[in-house]
């Protein structure tokens, strides 16, 4: 392959991201353009800067060690004029509670989720998998080999974070409040 200029390499990176339509790992981009990951990351940052201009309709987002082209959220109103409005998934309190447990405890089994919530969680976990916010990430090396669940790239996109490390931390006193609230809720259910 002949030596490419920076503009040509930027064009190649842009073409890769556009054609794939989903996130592409830094290592795959680097390999495709024949550069090391440091150089590929520098090119991606340059491309990201170009897309930050107000007149641009798309943005380059980073999801852990992957990159994706996405429409800028502030332009959504224009899109719905020509595209079928996507079905919005409603995240109920039960789904949000289950999702929070998965996000902070991952990888986690359904049994662990149910132990924390105090109720069966099959439906909630299945809905989160259906919504592509949670996925199976393996099996626990224990009797029965239960499935382990973790969050997906879609979770990162929907909640606007690059990795789960960016999630807000939970202070010990918040955990105590949560525990007390859960115990009250369980007691109330038993009193009914």
C-alpha atoms as a PDB file:
ATOM      1  CA  UNK A   1       0.000   0.000   0.000  1.00  0.00           C
ATOM      2  CA  UNK A   2       1.354   3.400  -0.928  1.00  0.00           C
ATOM      3  CA  UNK A   3       2.031   6.037   1.709  1.00  0.00           C
ATOM      4  CA  UNK A   4      -1.123   8.043   2.450  1.00  0.00           C
ATOM      5  CA  UNK A   5      -1.398  11.667   3.492  1.00  0.00           C
ATOM      6  CA  UNK A   6      -3.061  12.586   6.777  1.00  0.00           C
ATOM      7  CA  UNK A   7      -6.159  13.787   4.902  1.00  0.00           C
ATOM      8  CA  UNK A   8      -6.386  10.454   3.087  1.00  0.00           C
ATOM      9  CA  UNK A   9      -6.007   8.550   6.366  1.00  0.00           C
ATOM     10  CA  UNK A  10      -8.722  10.694   7.970  1.00  0.00           C
ATOM     11  CA  UNK A  11     -10.941   9.898   4.984  1.00  0.00           C
ATOM     12  CA  UNK A  12     -10.218   6.183   5.377  1.00  0.00           C
ATOM     13  CA  UNK A  13     -11.083   6.254   9.087  1.00  0.00           C
ATOM     14  CA  UNK A  14     -14.283   8.165   8.341  1.00  0.00           C
ATOM     15  CA  UNK A  15     -15.228   5.664   5.615  1.00  0.00           C
ATOM     16  CA  UNK A  16     -14.663   2.718   7.955  1.00  0.00           C
ATOM     17  CA  UNK A  17     -16.820   4.220  10.711  1.00  0.00           C
ATOM     18  CA  UNK A  18     -19.561   5.271   8.299  1.00  0.00           C
ATOM     19  CA  UNK A  19     -19.709   1.914   6.494  1.00  0.00           C
ATOM     20  CA  UNK A  20     -19.752  -0.160   9.669  1.00  0.00           C
ATOM     21  CA  UNK A  21     -22.636   1.780  11.218  1.00  0.00           C
ATOM     22  CA  UNK A  22     -21.681   0.517  14.667  1.00  0.00           C
ATOM     23  CA  UNK A  23     -18.717   0.905  16.950  1.00  0.00           C
ATOM     24  CA  UNK A  24     -15.309  -0.218  15.670  1.00  0.00           C
ATOM     25  CA  UNK A  25     -12.414  -1.018  17.985  1.00  0.00           C
ATOM     26  CA  UNK A  26      -9.301   1.137  17.947  1.00  0.00           C
ATOM     27  CA  UNK A  27      -7.181  -1.920  17.140  1.00  0.00           C
ATOM     28  CA  UNK A  28      -9.276  -2.754  14.045  1.00  0.00           C
ATOM     29  CA  UNK A  29      -9.089   0.838  12.799  1.00  0.00           C
ATOM     30  CA  UNK A  30      -5.315   0.930  13.345  1.00  0.00           C
ATOM     31  CA  UNK A  31      -4.871  -2.363  11.506  1.00  0.00           C
ATOM     32  CA  UNK A  32      -7.087  -1.260   8.599  1.00  0.00           C
ATOM     33  CA  UNK A  33      -5.108   1.944   7.998  1.00  0.00           C
ATOM     34  CA  UNK A  34      -1.720   0.325   8.622  1.00  0.00           C
ATOM     35  CA  UNK A  35      -0.830   2.476  11.637  1.00  0.00           C
ATOM     36  CA  UNK A  36      -0.209   1.788  15.319  1.00  0.00           C
ATOM     37  CA  UNK A  37      -2.955   2.465  17.873  1.00  0.00           C
ATOM     38  CA  UNK A  38      -1.332   5.694  19.082  1.00  0.00           C
ATOM     39  CA  UNK A  39      -1.403   7.165  15.561  1.00  0.00           C
ATOM     40  CA  UNK A  40      -4.914   5.847  14.920  1.00  0.00           C
ATOM     41  CA  UNK A  41      -6.127   7.438  18.182  1.00  0.00           C
ATOM     42  CA  UNK A  42      -4.521  10.752  17.183  1.00  0.00           C
ATOM     43  CA  UNK A  43      -6.361  10.623  13.836  1.00  0.00           C
ATOM     44  CA  UNK A  44      -9.640   9.789  15.588  1.00  0.00           C
ATOM     45  CA  UNK A  45      -9.212  12.744  17.945  1.00  0.00           C
ATOM     46  CA  UNK A  46      -8.600  14.999  14.936  1.00  0.00           C
ATOM     47  CA  UNK A  47     -11.730  13.655  13.261  1.00  0.00           C
ATOM     48  CA  UNK A  48     -13.676  14.143  16.503  1.00  0.00           C
ATOM     49  CA  UNK A  49     -12.592  17.815  16.567  1.00  0.00           C
ATOM     50  CA  UNK A  50     -13.817  18.300  13.001  1.00  0.00           C
ATOM     51  CA  UNK A  51     -17.221  16.871  13.899  1.00  0.00           C
ATOM     52  CA  UNK A  52     -17.548  19.159  16.933  1.00  0.00           C
ATOM     53  CA  UNK A  53     -18.100  22.149  14.671  1.00  0.00           C
ATOM     54  CA  UNK A  54     -21.620  23.517  15.015  1.00  0.00           C
ATOM     55  CA  UNK A  55     -22.419  23.062  11.328  1.00  0.00           C
ATOM     56  CA  UNK A  56     -21.722  19.306  11.425  1.00  0.00           C
ATOM     57  CA  UNK A  57     -24.665  16.941  11.813  1.00  0.00           C
ATOM     58  CA  UNK A  58     -22.803  13.973  13.196  1.00  0.00           C
ATOM     59  CA  UNK A  59     -20.395  13.355  16.022  1.00  0.00           C
ATOM     60  CA  UNK A  60     -17.698  10.819  16.759  1.00  0.00           C
ATOM     61  CA  UNK A  61     -18.197   9.112  20.107  1.00  0.00           C
ATOM     62  CA  UNK A  62     -15.828   6.882  22.045  1.00  0.00           C
ATOM     63  CA  UNK A  63     -17.161   3.800  23.810  1.00  0.00           C
ATOM     64  CA  UNK A  64     -14.405   2.169  25.867  1.00  0.00           C
ATOM     65  CA  UNK A  65     -11.789   1.352  23.180  1.00  0.00           C
ATOM     66  CA  UNK A  66     -14.198   1.655  20.237  1.00  0.00           C
ATOM     67  CA  UNK A  67     -15.472   4.540  18.115  1.00  0.00           C
ATOM     68  CA  UNK A  68     -18.762   5.224  16.345  1.00  0.00           C
ATOM     69  CA  UNK A  69     -20.313   7.912  14.184  1.00  0.00           C
ATOM     70  CA  UNK A  70     -23.684   9.094  15.549  1.00  0.00           C
ATOM     71  CA  UNK A  71     -26.167  11.823  14.831  1.00  0.00           C
ATOM     72  CA  UNK A  72     -25.957  14.820  17.147  1.00  0.00           C
ATOM     73  CA  UNK A  73     -28.885  14.587  19.600  1.00  0.00           C
ATOM     74  CA  UNK A  74     -29.898  18.206  19.057  1.00  0.00           C
ATOM     75  CA  UNK A  75     -30.736  17.384  15.411  1.00  0.00           C
ATOM     76  CA  UNK A  76     -33.159  14.563  16.216  1.00  0.00           C
ATOM     77  CA  UNK A  77     -36.222  16.708  15.403  1.00  0.00           C
ATOM     78  CA  UNK A  78     -35.052  16.938  11.778  1.00  0.00           C
ATOM     79  CA  UNK A  79     -34.542  13.195  11.533  1.00  0.00           C
ATOM     80  CA  UNK A  80     -38.026  12.271  12.647  1.00  0.00           C
ATOM     81  CA  UNK A  81     -39.403  14.282   9.727  1.00  0.00           C
ATOM     82  CA  UNK A  82     -38.049  11.662   7.293  1.00  0.00           C
ATOM     83  CA  UNK A  83     -37.444   8.553   9.366  1.00  0.00           C
ATOM     84  CA  UNK A  84     -39.926   6.398  11.189  1.00  0.00           C
ATOM     85  CA  UNK A  85     -39.790   7.364  14.825  1.00  0.00           C
ATOM     86  CA  UNK A  86     -37.993   4.587  16.682  1.00  0.00           C
ATOM     87  CA  UNK A  87     -39.904   2.835  19.424  1.00  0.00           C
ATOM     88  CA  UNK A  88     -38.877   4.233  22.764  1.00  0.00           C
ATOM     89  CA  UNK A  89     -38.206   1.569  25.348  1.00  0.00           C
ATOM     90  CA  UNK A  90     -39.709   2.516  28.667  1.00  0.00           C
ATOM     91  CA  UNK A  91     -37.454   1.818  31.602  1.00  0.00           C
ATOM     92  CA  UNK A  92     -39.718   1.232  34.588  1.00  0.00           C
ATOM     93  CA  UNK A  93     -38.460   1.525  38.165  1.00  0.00           C
ATOM     94  CA  UNK A  94     -38.038  -2.266  38.242  1.00  0.00           C
ATOM     95  CA  UNK A  95     -35.956  -2.221  35.048  1.00  0.00           C
ATOM     96  CA  UNK A  96     -33.859   0.728  36.253  1.00  0.00           C
ATOM     97  CA  UNK A  97     -33.248  -0.948  39.603  1.00  0.00           C
ATOM     98  CA  UNK A  98     -32.193  -4.196  37.897  1.00  0.00           C
ATOM     99  CA  UNK A  99     -30.037  -2.316  35.389  1.00  0.00           C
ATOM    100  CA  UNK A 100     -28.290  -0.428  38.194  1.00  0.00           C
ATOM    101  CA  UNK A 101     -27.489  -3.715  39.940  1.00  0.00           C
ATOM    102  CA  UNK A 102     -26.033  -5.164  36.730  1.00  0.00           C
ATOM    103  CA  UNK A 103     -24.063  -1.983  35.984  1.00  0.00           C
ATOM    104  CA  UNK A 104     -22.470  -1.771  39.424  1.00  0.00           C
ATOM    105  CA  UNK A 105     -22.051  -5.492  40.170  1.00  0.00           C
ATOM    106  CA  UNK A 106     -21.163  -6.893  36.729  1.00  0.00           C
ATOM    107  CA  UNK A 107     -20.581  -9.615  35.899  1.00  0.00           C
ATOM    108  CA  UNK A 108     -23.567 -10.753  37.953  1.00  0.00           C
ATOM    109  CA  UNK A 109     -25.934 -13.746  37.946  1.00  0.00           C
ATOM    110  CA  UNK A 110     -29.747 -13.593  38.107  1.00  0.00           C
ATOM    111  CA  UNK A 111     -29.548 -15.214  41.538  1.00  0.00           C
ATOM    112  CA  UNK A 112     -27.310 -12.386  42.800  1.00  0.00           C
ATOM    113  CA  UNK A 113     -29.702  -9.810  41.306  1.00  0.00           C
ATOM    114  CA  UNK A 114     -32.668 -11.528  42.973  1.00  0.00           C
ATOM    115  CA  UNK A 115     -30.827 -11.686  46.298  1.00  0.00           C
ATOM    116  CA  UNK A 116     -30.273  -7.905  46.170  1.00  0.00           C
ATOM    117  CA  UNK A 117     -33.797  -7.074  44.939  1.00  0.00           C
ATOM    118  CA  UNK A 118     -35.562  -9.652  47.104  1.00  0.00           C
ATOM    119  CA  UNK A 119     -37.831 -10.756  44.240  1.00  0.00           C
ATOM    120  CA  UNK A 120     -37.640 -12.835  41.051  1.00  0.00           C
ATOM    121  CA  UNK A 121     -35.931 -10.873  38.284  1.00  0.00           C
ATOM    122  CA  UNK A 122     -36.345 -13.079  35.202  1.00  0.00           C
ATOM    123  CA  UNK A 123     -38.726 -10.684  33.452  1.00  0.00           C
ATOM    124  CA  UNK A 124     -36.613  -7.591  34.198  1.00  0.00           C
ATOM    125  CA  UNK A 125     -33.369  -9.212  33.026  1.00  0.00           C
ATOM    126  CA  UNK A 126     -35.052 -10.571  29.874  1.00  0.00           C
ATOM    127  CA  UNK A 127     -36.458  -7.100  29.052  1.00  0.00           C
ATOM    128  CA  UNK A 128     -33.037  -5.496  29.536  1.00  0.00           C
ATOM    129  CA  UNK A 129     -31.519  -8.114  27.205  1.00  0.00           C
ATOM    130  CA  UNK A 130     -34.329  -7.417  24.683  1.00  0.00           C
ATOM    131  CA  UNK A 131     -33.578  -3.671  24.907  1.00  0.00           C
ATOM    132  CA  UNK A 132     -29.860  -4.455  24.334  1.00  0.00           C
ATOM    133  CA  UNK A 133     -28.829  -2.770  27.578  1.00  0.00           C
ATOM    134  CA  UNK A 134     -27.646  -6.031  29.183  1.00  0.00           C
ATOM    135  CA  UNK A 135     -26.132  -9.161  27.653  1.00  0.00           C
ATOM    136  CA  UNK A 136     -24.761 -12.541  28.655  1.00  0.00           C
ATOM    137  CA  UNK A 137     -21.021 -12.206  29.268  1.00  0.00           C
ATOM    138  CA  UNK A 138     -20.200 -15.768  30.283  1.00  0.00           C
ATOM    139  CA  UNK A 139     -20.937 -18.396  32.883  1.00  0.00           C
ATOM    140  CA  UNK A 140     -19.975 -18.577  36.549  1.00  0.00           C
ATOM    141  CA  UNK A 141     -17.653 -21.453  37.401  1.00  0.00           C
ATOM    142  CA  UNK A 142     -20.055 -22.905  39.966  1.00  0.00           C
ATOM    143  CA  UNK A 143     -22.590 -25.749  40.077  1.00  0.00           C
ATOM    144  CA  UNK A 144     -25.157 -25.313  37.330  1.00  0.00           C
ATOM    145  CA  UNK A 145     -22.879 -22.838  35.511  1.00  0.00           C
ATOM    146  CA  UNK A 146     -25.291 -19.874  35.888  1.00  0.00           C
ATOM    147  CA  UNK A 147     -25.197 -17.136  33.256  1.00  0.00           C
ATOM    148  CA  UNK A 148     -23.328 -13.927  34.017  1.00  0.00           C
ATOM    149  CA  UNK A 149     -24.748 -10.609  32.827  1.00  0.00           C
ATOM    150  CA  UNK A 150     -23.081  -7.277  32.075  1.00  0.00           C
ATOM    151  CA  UNK A 151     -23.927  -4.021  30.341  1.00  0.00           C
ATOM    152  CA  UNK A 152     -23.610  -3.436  26.589  1.00  0.00           C
ATOM    153  CA  UNK A 153     -22.295  -0.658  24.351  1.00  0.00           C
ATOM    154  CA  UNK A 154     -25.929   0.400  23.894  1.00  0.00           C
ATOM    155  CA  UNK A 155     -26.069   0.968  27.677  1.00  0.00           C
ATOM    156  CA  UNK A 156     -23.014   3.239  27.409  1.00  0.00           C
ATOM    157  CA  UNK A 157     -24.580   5.146  24.494  1.00  0.00           C
ATOM    158  CA  UNK A 158     -27.969   5.552  26.195  1.00  0.00           C
ATOM    159  CA  UNK A 159     -26.444   6.803  29.441  1.00  0.00           C
ATOM    160  CA  UNK A 160     -23.795   8.990  27.777  1.00  0.00           C
ATOM    161  CA  UNK A 161     -20.686   7.410  29.295  1.00  0.00           C
ATOM    162  CA  UNK A 162     -17.578   6.006  27.648  1.00  0.00           C
ATOM    163  CA  UNK A 163     -17.141   3.175  30.151  1.00  0.00           C
ATOM    164  CA  UNK A 164     -18.747   1.836  33.326  1.00  0.00           C
ATOM    165  CA  UNK A 165     -15.910   3.447  35.297  1.00  0.00           C
ATOM    166  CA  UNK A 166     -17.573   6.814  34.531  1.00  0.00           C
ATOM    167  CA  UNK A 167     -20.750   5.853  36.391  1.00  0.00           C
ATOM    168  CA  UNK A 168     -21.287   7.886  39.552  1.00  0.00           C
ATOM    169  CA  UNK A 169     -19.871   6.177  42.613  1.00  0.00           C
ATOM    170  CA  UNK A 170     -22.183   5.171  45.423  1.00  0.00           C
ATOM    171  CA  UNK A 171     -21.228   6.523  48.829  1.00  0.00           C
ATOM    172  CA  UNK A 172     -21.398   4.093  51.787  1.00  0.00           C
ATOM    173  CA  UNK A 173     -24.192   6.121  53.401  1.00  0.00           C
ATOM    174  CA  UNK A 174     -26.244   5.820  50.192  1.00  0.00           C
ATOM    175  CA  UNK A 175     -25.796   2.056  50.323  1.00  0.00           C
ATOM    176  CA  UNK A 176     -27.045   2.035  53.908  1.00  0.00           C
ATOM    177  CA  UNK A 177     -30.096   4.128  52.915  1.00  0.00           C
ATOM    178  CA  UNK A 178     -30.753   1.767  49.996  1.00  0.00           C
ATOM    179  CA  UNK A 179     -30.473  -1.263  52.301  1.00  0.00           C
ATOM    180  CA  UNK A 180     -32.912   0.263  54.825  1.00  0.00           C
ATOM    181  CA  UNK A 181     -35.362   1.152  52.050  1.00  0.00           C
ATOM    182  CA  UNK A 182     -35.156  -2.371  50.615  1.00  0.00           C
ATOM    183  CA  UNK A 183     -35.725  -3.913  54.046  1.00  0.00           C
ATOM    184  CA  UNK A 184     -38.804  -1.665  54.595  1.00  0.00           C
ATOM    185  CA  UNK A 185     -40.127  -2.621  51.168  1.00  0.00           C
ATOM    186  CA  UNK A 186     -39.700  -6.339  51.916  1.00  0.00           C
ATOM    187  CA  UNK A 187     -41.369  -5.925  55.321  1.00  0.00           C
ATOM    188  CA  UNK A 188     -44.294  -4.061  53.700  1.00  0.00           C
ATOM    189  CA  UNK A 189     -44.739  -6.857  51.145  1.00  0.00           C
ATOM    190  CA  UNK A 190     -44.759  -9.481  53.915  1.00  0.00           C
ATOM    191  CA  UNK A 191     -47.306  -7.500  55.953  1.00  0.00           C
ATOM    192  CA  UNK A 192     -49.812  -7.467  53.066  1.00  0.00           C
END
